């Protein structure tokens, strides 16, 4: 009987040694290049939307010939402050909710993420004087998202709807 205890204990030690020897693999070692920086992605906060059912949306600047674009959003669930658009064009519904600025989008930082409630409307306002060519989607957490390619002229506002599947359509 003592023989079996010895083999069980020996087997436990072997497994413990094996597990602890795999703890510091090459992938887990610290980088020797301390100047390496991890670049942040703007559209990675889908899990940080305030409501579990929110659509994970994103805007990406496409045409950087004009250099940059500064956009304002209204109707988002994650925006700070409030904004209103009581009478947008059909088929959009009245817009209320949070407002936010994308900051300056440019080739080095062309993306901005935001959250929308399904079945609601929002607007994108181009605060720049030059036109902004953008992709817009509210399926940013999907592998092959539905997205619109839109050119918003300078100092112009475009209105959009999201449906229950987080697809985006422009209201005209």
N, C-alpha and C. Protein backbone atom coordinates (compact mmCIF):
# COMPACT_ATOMS: atom_id res chain seq x y z
N UNK A 1 0.81 -1.19 0.00
CA UNK A 1 0.00 0.00 0.00
C UNK A 1 0.86 1.25 0.00
N UNK A 2 2.00 1.23 0.71
CA UNK A 2 2.87 2.38 0.76
C UNK A 2 3.49 2.65 -0.61
N UNK A 3 3.63 1.59 -1.41
CA UNK A 3 4.16 1.74 -2.75
C UNK A 3 3.27 2.67 -3.58
N UNK A 4 1.96 2.53 -3.47
CA UNK A 4 1.02 3.33 -4.24
C UNK A 4 1.07 4.80 -3.81
N UNK A 5 1.22 5.06 -2.53
CA UNK A 5 1.35 6.44 -2.05
C UNK A 5 2.61 7.08 -2.60
N UNK A 6 3.68 6.33 -2.61
CA UNK A 6 4.94 6.85 -3.12
C UNK A 6 4.80 7.25 -4.60
N UNK A 7 4.17 6.40 -5.41
CA UNK A 7 4.01 6.70 -6.83
C UNK A 7 3.05 7.88 -7.05
N UNK A 8 2.01 7.99 -6.25
CA UNK A 8 1.10 9.13 -6.36
C UNK A 8 1.82 10.43 -6.03
N UNK A 9 2.60 10.42 -4.96
CA UNK A 9 3.35 11.61 -4.57
C UNK A 9 4.38 11.94 -5.64
N UNK A 10 5.07 10.96 -6.15
CA UNK A 10 6.07 11.17 -7.21
C UNK A 10 5.41 11.74 -8.46
N UNK A 11 4.26 11.23 -8.82
CA UNK A 11 3.53 11.72 -9.98
C UNK A 11 3.11 13.18 -9.78
N UNK A 12 2.67 13.55 -8.60
CA UNK A 12 2.30 14.94 -8.30
C UNK A 12 3.51 15.85 -8.45
N UNK A 13 4.66 15.44 -7.96
CA UNK A 13 5.88 16.24 -8.09
C UNK A 13 6.28 16.42 -9.55
N UNK A 14 6.14 15.37 -10.33
CA UNK A 14 6.49 15.45 -11.76
C UNK A 14 5.57 16.45 -12.47
N UNK A 15 4.27 16.37 -12.21
CA UNK A 15 3.32 17.31 -12.83
C UNK A 15 3.57 18.74 -12.37
N UNK A 16 3.86 18.93 -11.10
CA UNK A 16 4.15 20.26 -10.57
C UNK A 16 5.39 20.84 -11.23
N UNK A 17 6.42 20.04 -11.38
CA UNK A 17 7.64 20.47 -12.05
C UNK A 17 7.36 20.81 -13.51
N UNK A 18 6.60 20.00 -14.15
CA UNK A 18 6.27 20.23 -15.56
C UNK A 18 5.48 21.53 -15.73
N UNK A 19 4.50 21.75 -14.90
CA UNK A 19 3.67 22.96 -14.99
C UNK A 19 4.50 24.21 -14.72
N UNK A 20 5.33 24.18 -13.69
CA UNK A 20 6.11 25.37 -13.36
C UNK A 20 7.23 25.61 -14.36
N UNK A 21 7.69 24.59 -15.06
CA UNK A 21 8.73 24.80 -16.06
C UNK A 21 8.20 25.49 -17.30
N UNK A 22 6.90 25.43 -17.55
CA UNK A 22 6.29 26.08 -18.71
C UNK A 22 5.88 27.51 -18.41
N UNK A 23 6.10 27.97 -17.20
CA UNK A 23 5.58 29.27 -16.80
C UNK A 23 6.28 30.43 -17.51
N UNK A 24 7.55 30.36 -17.80
CA UNK A 24 8.26 31.47 -18.41
C UNK A 24 8.66 31.14 -19.85
N UNK A 25 7.68 31.03 -20.70
CA UNK A 25 7.95 30.77 -22.10
C UNK A 25 8.44 32.04 -22.77
N UNK A 26 8.89 31.94 -24.01
CA UNK A 26 9.40 33.09 -24.76
C UNK A 26 8.37 34.19 -24.90
N UNK A 27 7.10 33.84 -25.05
CA UNK A 27 6.06 34.85 -25.22
C UNK A 27 5.82 35.65 -23.96
N UNK A 28 6.14 35.08 -22.81
CA UNK A 28 5.88 35.75 -21.55
C UNK A 28 7.05 36.58 -21.07
N UNK A 29 8.21 36.43 -21.67
CA UNK A 29 9.38 37.18 -21.22
C UNK A 29 9.24 38.65 -21.61
N UNK A 30 9.77 39.50 -20.80
CA UNK A 30 9.72 40.94 -21.07
C UNK A 30 10.59 41.26 -22.27
N UNK A 31 10.16 42.26 -23.02
CA UNK A 31 10.90 42.69 -24.20
C UNK A 31 12.18 43.39 -23.76
N UNK A 32 13.26 43.15 -24.48
CA UNK A 32 14.51 43.83 -24.19
C UNK A 32 14.54 45.21 -24.80
N UNK A 33 13.64 45.48 -25.75
CA UNK A 33 13.56 46.78 -26.39
C UNK A 33 12.55 47.63 -25.63
N UNK A 34 13.03 48.49 -24.74
CA UNK A 34 12.12 49.28 -23.92
C UNK A 34 11.50 50.45 -24.68
N UNK A 35 11.97 50.73 -25.89
CA UNK A 35 11.40 51.82 -26.67
C UNK A 35 10.18 51.37 -27.47
N UNK A 36 9.86 50.08 -27.44
CA UNK A 36 8.69 49.57 -28.13
C UNK A 36 7.44 50.04 -27.42
N UNK A 37 6.53 50.66 -28.16
CA UNK A 37 5.28 51.12 -27.57
C UNK A 37 4.13 50.36 -28.21
N UNK A 38 3.13 50.10 -27.43
CA UNK A 38 1.91 49.49 -27.96
C UNK A 38 1.03 50.63 -28.43
N UNK A 39 0.63 50.59 -29.68
CA UNK A 39 -0.20 51.66 -30.21
C UNK A 39 -1.65 51.38 -29.88
N UNK A 40 -2.36 52.34 -29.32
CA UNK A 40 -3.76 52.11 -28.98
C UNK A 40 -4.65 52.12 -30.21
N UNK A 41 -5.69 51.30 -30.20
CA UNK A 41 -6.70 51.31 -31.26
C UNK A 41 -7.91 52.02 -30.70
N UNK A 42 -8.51 52.87 -31.50
CA UNK A 42 -9.68 53.60 -31.04
C UNK A 42 -10.90 52.70 -30.90
N UNK A 43 -11.03 51.70 -31.76
CA UNK A 43 -12.26 50.94 -31.82
C UNK A 43 -12.07 49.57 -31.17
N UNK A 44 -11.77 49.60 -29.89
CA UNK A 44 -11.64 48.33 -29.17
C UNK A 44 -12.49 48.31 -27.92
N UNK A 45 -13.33 49.30 -27.75
CA UNK A 45 -14.07 49.43 -26.50
C UNK A 45 -15.50 48.93 -26.61
N UNK A 46 -15.77 47.96 -27.47
CA UNK A 46 -17.14 47.47 -27.61
C UNK A 46 -17.69 46.94 -26.30
N UNK A 47 -16.85 46.33 -25.49
CA UNK A 47 -17.31 45.80 -24.21
C UNK A 47 -17.50 46.90 -23.17
N UNK A 48 -17.11 48.13 -23.49
CA UNK A 48 -17.27 49.23 -22.55
C UNK A 48 -18.50 50.09 -22.85
N UNK A 49 -19.33 49.67 -23.81
CA UNK A 49 -20.58 50.39 -24.06
C UNK A 49 -21.44 50.33 -22.80
N UNK A 50 -22.19 51.41 -22.50
CA UNK A 50 -22.94 51.44 -21.25
C UNK A 50 -24.03 50.38 -21.13
N UNK A 51 -24.59 49.94 -22.25
CA UNK A 51 -25.65 48.93 -22.22
C UNK A 51 -25.19 47.69 -22.98
N UNK A 52 -25.50 46.53 -22.47
CA UNK A 52 -25.07 45.28 -23.10
C UNK A 52 -25.61 45.11 -24.51
N UNK A 53 -26.78 45.70 -24.79
CA UNK A 53 -27.40 45.55 -26.10
C UNK A 53 -26.99 46.64 -27.09
N UNK A 54 -26.10 47.55 -26.70
CA UNK A 54 -25.68 48.64 -27.60
C UNK A 54 -24.97 48.11 -28.83
N UNK A 55 -25.11 48.85 -29.91
CA UNK A 55 -24.35 48.58 -31.14
C UNK A 55 -22.97 49.19 -30.96
N UNK A 56 -21.96 48.46 -31.38
CA UNK A 56 -20.58 48.94 -31.33
C UNK A 56 -20.29 49.59 -32.67
N UNK A 57 -20.14 50.88 -32.67
CA UNK A 57 -20.02 51.64 -33.92
C UNK A 57 -18.62 52.21 -34.07
N UNK A 58 -18.30 52.57 -35.30
CA UNK A 58 -17.00 53.18 -35.56
C UNK A 58 -17.03 54.01 -36.82
N UNK A 59 -16.22 55.04 -36.81
CA UNK A 59 -16.00 55.90 -37.98
C UNK A 59 -14.52 55.80 -38.30
N UNK A 60 -14.21 55.67 -39.59
CA UNK A 60 -12.82 55.64 -40.02
C UNK A 60 -12.63 56.59 -41.19
N UNK A 61 -11.70 57.49 -41.05
CA UNK A 61 -11.38 58.43 -42.11
C UNK A 61 -10.71 57.68 -43.25
N UNK A 62 -11.22 57.85 -44.48
CA UNK A 62 -10.67 57.15 -45.63
C UNK A 62 -9.75 58.01 -46.47
N UNK A 63 -10.20 59.19 -46.80
CA UNK A 63 -9.42 60.07 -47.67
C UNK A 63 -8.61 61.02 -46.82
N UNK A 64 -7.33 60.81 -46.79
CA UNK A 64 -6.47 61.69 -46.00
C UNK A 64 -5.77 62.73 -46.88
N UNK A 65 -6.24 62.88 -48.14
CA UNK A 65 -5.69 63.89 -49.03
C UNK A 65 -5.90 65.27 -48.41
N UNK A 66 -7.06 65.47 -47.79
CA UNK A 66 -7.35 66.75 -47.14
C UNK A 66 -6.62 66.89 -45.81
N UNK A 67 -5.91 65.87 -45.41
CA UNK A 67 -5.12 65.93 -44.19
C UNK A 67 -5.82 65.36 -42.98
N UNK A 68 -6.96 65.93 -42.61
CA UNK A 68 -7.62 65.49 -41.39
C UNK A 68 -9.10 65.89 -41.43
N UNK A 69 -9.82 65.43 -40.43
CA UNK A 69 -11.23 65.78 -40.29
C UNK A 69 -11.56 65.84 -38.81
N UNK A 70 -12.48 66.72 -38.46
CA UNK A 70 -12.96 66.84 -37.10
C UNK A 70 -14.48 66.70 -37.16
N UNK A 71 -15.00 65.63 -36.56
CA UNK A 71 -16.42 65.31 -36.64
C UNK A 71 -17.07 65.38 -35.26
N UNK A 72 -18.36 65.68 -35.25
CA UNK A 72 -19.15 65.68 -34.01
C UNK A 72 -20.29 64.69 -34.18
N UNK A 73 -20.55 63.91 -33.14
CA UNK A 73 -21.62 62.93 -33.13
C UNK A 73 -22.69 63.34 -32.13
N UNK A 74 -23.93 63.03 -32.44
CA UNK A 74 -25.03 63.30 -31.52
C UNK A 74 -25.97 62.11 -31.53
N UNK A 75 -26.39 61.67 -30.34
CA UNK A 75 -27.33 60.57 -30.21
C UNK A 75 -26.71 59.29 -29.71
N UNK A 76 -25.44 59.34 -29.32
CA UNK A 76 -24.74 58.13 -28.88
C UNK A 76 -25.10 57.81 -27.43
N UNK A 77 -24.91 56.56 -27.03
CA UNK A 77 -25.18 56.18 -25.64
C UNK A 77 -23.97 56.41 -24.75
N UNK A 78 -22.80 56.58 -25.33
CA UNK A 78 -21.58 56.76 -24.54
C UNK A 78 -21.05 58.19 -24.58
N UNK A 79 -21.77 59.10 -25.19
CA UNK A 79 -21.31 60.48 -25.29
C UNK A 79 -21.47 61.22 -23.97
N UNK A 80 -20.61 62.20 -23.78
CA UNK A 80 -20.71 63.04 -22.58
C UNK A 80 -21.47 64.30 -22.97
N UNK A 81 -22.22 64.82 -22.06
CA UNK A 81 -23.04 65.97 -22.39
C UNK A 81 -24.24 65.51 -23.20
N UNK A 82 -25.13 66.41 -23.49
CA UNK A 82 -26.31 66.02 -24.26
C UNK A 82 -26.41 66.89 -25.51
N UNK A 83 -27.13 66.37 -26.48
CA UNK A 83 -27.37 67.11 -27.70
C UNK A 83 -28.75 66.69 -28.23
N UNK A 84 -29.32 67.52 -29.06
CA UNK A 84 -30.65 67.26 -29.58
C UNK A 84 -30.71 67.55 -31.07
N UNK A 85 -31.56 66.84 -31.76
CA UNK A 85 -31.94 67.11 -33.14
C UNK A 85 -33.39 66.70 -33.24
N UNK A 86 -34.31 67.60 -32.89
CA UNK A 86 -35.71 67.22 -32.77
C UNK A 86 -36.39 66.87 -34.08
N UNK A 87 -35.90 67.35 -35.22
CA UNK A 87 -36.61 67.06 -36.48
C UNK A 87 -35.63 66.70 -37.60
N UNK A 88 -35.01 65.52 -37.51
CA UNK A 88 -34.13 65.08 -38.59
C UNK A 88 -34.95 64.64 -39.81
N UNK A 89 -34.31 64.47 -40.97
CA UNK A 89 -35.05 64.03 -42.16
C UNK A 89 -35.57 62.59 -41.99
N UNK A 90 -36.59 62.25 -42.76
CA UNK A 90 -37.16 60.89 -42.74
C UNK A 90 -36.15 59.91 -43.28
N UNK A 91 -36.12 58.70 -42.83
CA UNK A 91 -36.95 58.06 -41.80
C UNK A 91 -36.34 58.14 -40.40
N UNK A 92 -35.39 59.03 -40.18
CA UNK A 92 -34.80 59.16 -38.85
C UNK A 92 -35.85 59.61 -37.84
N UNK A 93 -35.65 59.19 -36.60
CA UNK A 93 -36.53 59.61 -35.51
C UNK A 93 -35.80 60.70 -34.73
N UNK A 94 -36.49 61.35 -33.86
CA UNK A 94 -35.91 62.42 -33.05
C UNK A 94 -34.65 61.93 -32.34
N UNK A 95 -33.61 62.76 -32.39
CA UNK A 95 -32.31 62.37 -31.84
C UNK A 95 -32.10 63.04 -30.49
N UNK A 96 -31.75 62.24 -29.52
CA UNK A 96 -31.34 62.76 -28.22
C UNK A 96 -30.33 61.77 -27.65
N UNK A 97 -29.57 62.23 -26.73
CA UNK A 97 -28.57 61.36 -26.13
C UNK A 97 -27.27 62.11 -25.97
N UNK A 98 -26.21 61.37 -25.91
CA UNK A 98 -24.91 61.96 -25.69
C UNK A 98 -24.30 62.51 -26.96
N UNK A 99 -23.50 63.54 -26.78
CA UNK A 99 -22.75 64.12 -27.88
C UNK A 99 -21.27 63.92 -27.64
N UNK A 100 -20.52 63.81 -28.71
CA UNK A 100 -19.08 63.65 -28.57
C UNK A 100 -18.38 64.10 -29.84
N UNK A 101 -17.14 64.49 -29.68
CA UNK A 101 -16.31 64.87 -30.80
C UNK A 101 -15.34 63.73 -31.07
N UNK A 102 -15.02 63.50 -32.34
CA UNK A 102 -14.06 62.47 -32.68
C UNK A 102 -12.64 62.95 -32.43
N UNK A 103 -12.48 64.24 -32.16
CA UNK A 103 -11.14 64.80 -32.14
C UNK A 103 -10.69 64.90 -33.59
N UNK A 104 -9.43 65.12 -33.80
CA UNK A 104 -8.93 65.24 -35.17
C UNK A 104 -8.55 63.86 -35.69
N UNK A 105 -9.26 63.40 -36.71
CA UNK A 105 -8.93 62.14 -37.37
C UNK A 105 -7.92 62.45 -38.47
N UNK A 106 -6.85 61.66 -38.55
CA UNK A 106 -5.83 61.84 -39.58
C UNK A 106 -5.22 60.47 -39.87
N UNK A 107 -4.27 60.42 -40.80
CA UNK A 107 -3.74 59.12 -41.24
C UNK A 107 -3.11 58.32 -40.09
N UNK A 108 -2.53 58.97 -39.11
CA UNK A 108 -1.93 58.26 -37.98
C UNK A 108 -2.94 57.79 -36.96
N UNK A 109 -4.13 58.35 -36.96
CA UNK A 109 -5.19 58.00 -36.01
C UNK A 109 -6.53 58.21 -36.69
N UNK A 110 -6.89 57.31 -37.64
CA UNK A 110 -8.07 57.56 -38.47
C UNK A 110 -9.39 57.03 -37.90
N UNK A 111 -9.39 56.40 -36.72
CA UNK A 111 -10.60 55.72 -36.23
C UNK A 111 -11.14 56.34 -34.95
N UNK A 112 -12.46 56.25 -34.81
CA UNK A 112 -13.13 56.66 -33.58
C UNK A 112 -14.30 55.72 -33.33
N UNK A 113 -14.37 55.16 -32.14
CA UNK A 113 -15.45 54.24 -31.77
C UNK A 113 -16.50 54.92 -30.92
N UNK A 114 -17.74 54.45 -31.02
CA UNK A 114 -18.83 54.97 -30.20
C UNK A 114 -19.92 53.93 -30.09
N UNK A 115 -20.89 54.15 -29.21
CA UNK A 115 -21.95 53.18 -28.95
C UNK A 115 -23.31 53.78 -29.29
N UNK A 116 -24.20 52.96 -29.85
CA UNK A 116 -25.55 53.37 -30.21
C UNK A 116 -26.54 52.32 -29.72
N UNK A 117 -27.71 52.79 -29.31
CA UNK A 117 -28.79 51.86 -29.00
C UNK A 117 -29.41 51.40 -30.32
N UNK A 118 -29.70 50.11 -30.50
CA UNK A 118 -30.32 49.65 -31.74
C UNK A 118 -31.68 50.33 -31.95
N UNK A 119 -31.98 50.64 -33.21
CA UNK A 119 -33.28 51.23 -33.53
C UNK A 119 -33.36 52.72 -33.26
N UNK A 120 -32.23 53.39 -33.10
CA UNK A 120 -32.22 54.83 -32.85
C UNK A 120 -31.51 55.56 -33.98
N UNK A 121 -31.55 56.87 -33.91
CA UNK A 121 -30.92 57.71 -34.93
C UNK A 121 -29.80 58.55 -34.32
N UNK A 122 -28.88 58.97 -35.18
CA UNK A 122 -27.78 59.82 -34.75
C UNK A 122 -27.35 60.69 -35.92
N UNK A 123 -26.55 61.69 -35.64
CA UNK A 123 -25.98 62.47 -36.74
C UNK A 123 -24.48 62.58 -36.61
N UNK A 124 -23.85 62.81 -37.76
CA UNK A 124 -22.42 63.06 -37.85
C UNK A 124 -22.27 64.42 -38.51
N UNK A 125 -21.63 65.32 -37.82
CA UNK A 125 -21.43 66.68 -38.32
C UNK A 125 -19.95 66.88 -38.62
N UNK A 126 -19.66 67.31 -39.84
CA UNK A 126 -18.29 67.61 -40.24
C UNK A 126 -17.99 69.05 -39.83
N UNK A 127 -17.13 69.23 -38.84
CA UNK A 127 -16.78 70.55 -38.35
C UNK A 127 -15.66 71.19 -39.15
N UNK A 128 -15.05 70.42 -40.05
CA UNK A 128 -13.96 70.93 -40.88
C UNK A 128 -14.53 71.64 -42.10
N UNK A 129 -13.72 72.45 -42.74
CA UNK A 129 -14.17 73.12 -43.96
C UNK A 129 -14.02 72.23 -45.19
N UNK A 130 -13.17 71.22 -45.12
CA UNK A 130 -12.96 70.29 -46.24
C UNK A 130 -13.86 69.07 -46.08
N UNK A 131 -14.18 68.43 -47.19
CA UNK A 131 -15.00 67.21 -47.17
C UNK A 131 -14.25 66.09 -46.45
N UNK A 132 -15.01 65.21 -45.82
CA UNK A 132 -14.44 64.06 -45.12
C UNK A 132 -15.01 62.78 -45.72
N UNK A 133 -14.14 61.93 -46.26
CA UNK A 133 -14.54 60.62 -46.76
C UNK A 133 -14.37 59.63 -45.61
N UNK A 134 -15.48 58.99 -45.20
CA UNK A 134 -15.44 58.11 -44.04
C UNK A 134 -16.14 56.79 -44.33
N UNK A 135 -15.74 55.76 -43.59
CA UNK A 135 -16.51 54.53 -43.44
C UNK A 135 -17.24 54.70 -42.12
N UNK A 136 -18.49 54.25 -42.09
CA UNK A 136 -19.24 54.25 -40.83
C UNK A 136 -19.95 52.91 -40.69
N UNK A 137 -19.86 52.33 -39.50
CA UNK A 137 -20.50 51.05 -39.22
C UNK A 137 -20.98 51.03 -37.78
N UNK A 138 -22.00 50.26 -37.52
CA UNK A 138 -22.41 49.99 -36.14
C UNK A 138 -22.38 48.49 -35.88
N UNK A 139 -21.52 47.82 -36.63
CA UNK A 139 -21.25 46.39 -36.43
C UNK A 139 -19.75 46.20 -36.30
N UNK A 140 -19.12 47.08 -35.55
CA UNK A 140 -17.66 47.07 -35.47
C UNK A 140 -17.12 45.85 -34.75
N UNK A 141 -17.97 45.13 -34.06
CA UNK A 141 -17.54 43.93 -33.35
C UNK A 141 -17.84 42.66 -34.15
N UNK A 142 -18.17 42.81 -35.43
CA UNK A 142 -18.51 41.68 -36.31
C UNK A 142 -17.37 41.51 -37.32
N UNK A 143 -17.11 40.28 -37.74
CA UNK A 143 -16.01 40.01 -38.66
C UNK A 143 -16.18 40.71 -40.01
N UNK A 144 -17.33 40.61 -40.62
CA UNK A 144 -17.58 41.28 -41.90
C UNK A 144 -18.74 42.26 -41.71
N UNK A 145 -18.45 43.44 -41.16
CA UNK A 145 -19.54 44.37 -40.81
C UNK A 145 -20.16 45.03 -42.03
N UNK A 146 -21.42 45.39 -41.90
CA UNK A 146 -22.07 46.24 -42.89
C UNK A 146 -21.53 47.63 -42.63
N UNK A 147 -21.09 48.31 -43.69
CA UNK A 147 -20.57 49.66 -43.51
C UNK A 147 -20.95 50.52 -44.70
N UNK A 148 -21.05 51.80 -44.44
CA UNK A 148 -21.34 52.78 -45.48
C UNK A 148 -20.09 53.58 -45.77
N UNK A 149 -19.89 53.90 -47.02
CA UNK A 149 -18.84 54.83 -47.41
C UNK A 149 -19.52 56.14 -47.74
N UNK A 150 -19.19 57.17 -47.02
CA UNK A 150 -19.89 58.45 -47.10
C UNK A 150 -18.88 59.57 -47.27
N UNK A 151 -19.20 60.55 -48.09
CA UNK A 151 -18.44 61.79 -48.16
C UNK A 151 -19.32 62.88 -47.57
N UNK A 152 -18.88 63.44 -46.44
CA UNK A 152 -19.62 64.51 -45.80
C UNK A 152 -18.93 65.83 -46.15
N UNK A 153 -19.62 66.70 -46.89
CA UNK A 153 -19.01 67.99 -47.23
C UNK A 153 -18.67 68.79 -45.97
N UNK A 154 -17.75 69.73 -46.10
CA UNK A 154 -17.36 70.56 -44.96
C UNK A 154 -18.55 71.30 -44.38
N UNK A 155 -18.55 71.43 -43.06
CA UNK A 155 -19.59 72.15 -42.32
C UNK A 155 -20.99 71.66 -42.64
N UNK A 156 -21.14 70.34 -42.77
CA UNK A 156 -22.42 69.73 -43.11
C UNK A 156 -22.74 68.62 -42.11
N UNK A 157 -24.03 68.36 -41.91
CA UNK A 157 -24.49 67.31 -41.00
C UNK A 157 -25.25 66.26 -41.78
N UNK A 158 -24.91 64.97 -41.57
CA UNK A 158 -25.64 63.85 -42.16
C UNK A 158 -26.29 63.05 -41.03
N UNK A 159 -27.48 62.52 -41.31
CA UNK A 159 -28.27 61.79 -40.31
C UNK A 159 -28.32 60.31 -40.69
N UNK A 160 -28.33 59.46 -39.65
CA UNK A 160 -28.30 58.02 -39.85
C UNK A 160 -29.26 57.32 -38.88
N UNK A 161 -29.72 56.15 -39.28
CA UNK A 161 -30.54 55.25 -38.46
C UNK A 161 -29.76 53.99 -38.20
N UNK A 162 -29.99 53.37 -37.05
CA UNK A 162 -29.54 52.01 -36.80
C UNK A 162 -30.79 51.14 -36.64
N UNK A 163 -30.75 49.93 -37.19
CA UNK A 163 -31.90 49.04 -36.99
C UNK A 163 -31.59 48.06 -35.87
N UNK A 164 -32.48 47.09 -35.67
CA UNK A 164 -32.29 46.15 -34.57
C UNK A 164 -31.07 45.26 -34.77
N UNK A 165 -30.59 45.12 -36.02
CA UNK A 165 -29.38 44.34 -36.29
C UNK A 165 -28.13 45.19 -36.35
N UNK A 166 -28.24 46.44 -35.90
CA UNK A 166 -27.13 47.40 -35.87
C UNK A 166 -26.62 47.75 -37.28
N UNK A 167 -27.48 47.62 -38.29
CA UNK A 167 -27.11 48.10 -39.62
C UNK A 167 -27.39 49.59 -39.68
N UNK A 168 -26.57 50.31 -40.43
CA UNK A 168 -26.68 51.76 -40.54
C UNK A 168 -27.24 52.12 -41.91
N UNK A 169 -28.16 53.09 -41.93
CA UNK A 169 -28.71 53.63 -43.17
C UNK A 169 -28.76 55.14 -43.04
N UNK A 170 -28.47 55.82 -44.13
CA UNK A 170 -28.53 57.28 -44.13
C UNK A 170 -29.97 57.74 -44.31
N UNK A 171 -30.35 58.76 -43.58
CA UNK A 171 -31.67 59.38 -43.71
C UNK A 171 -31.52 60.55 -44.69
N UNK A 172 -32.43 60.64 -45.65
CA UNK A 172 -32.30 61.72 -46.63
C UNK A 172 -33.58 62.48 -46.78
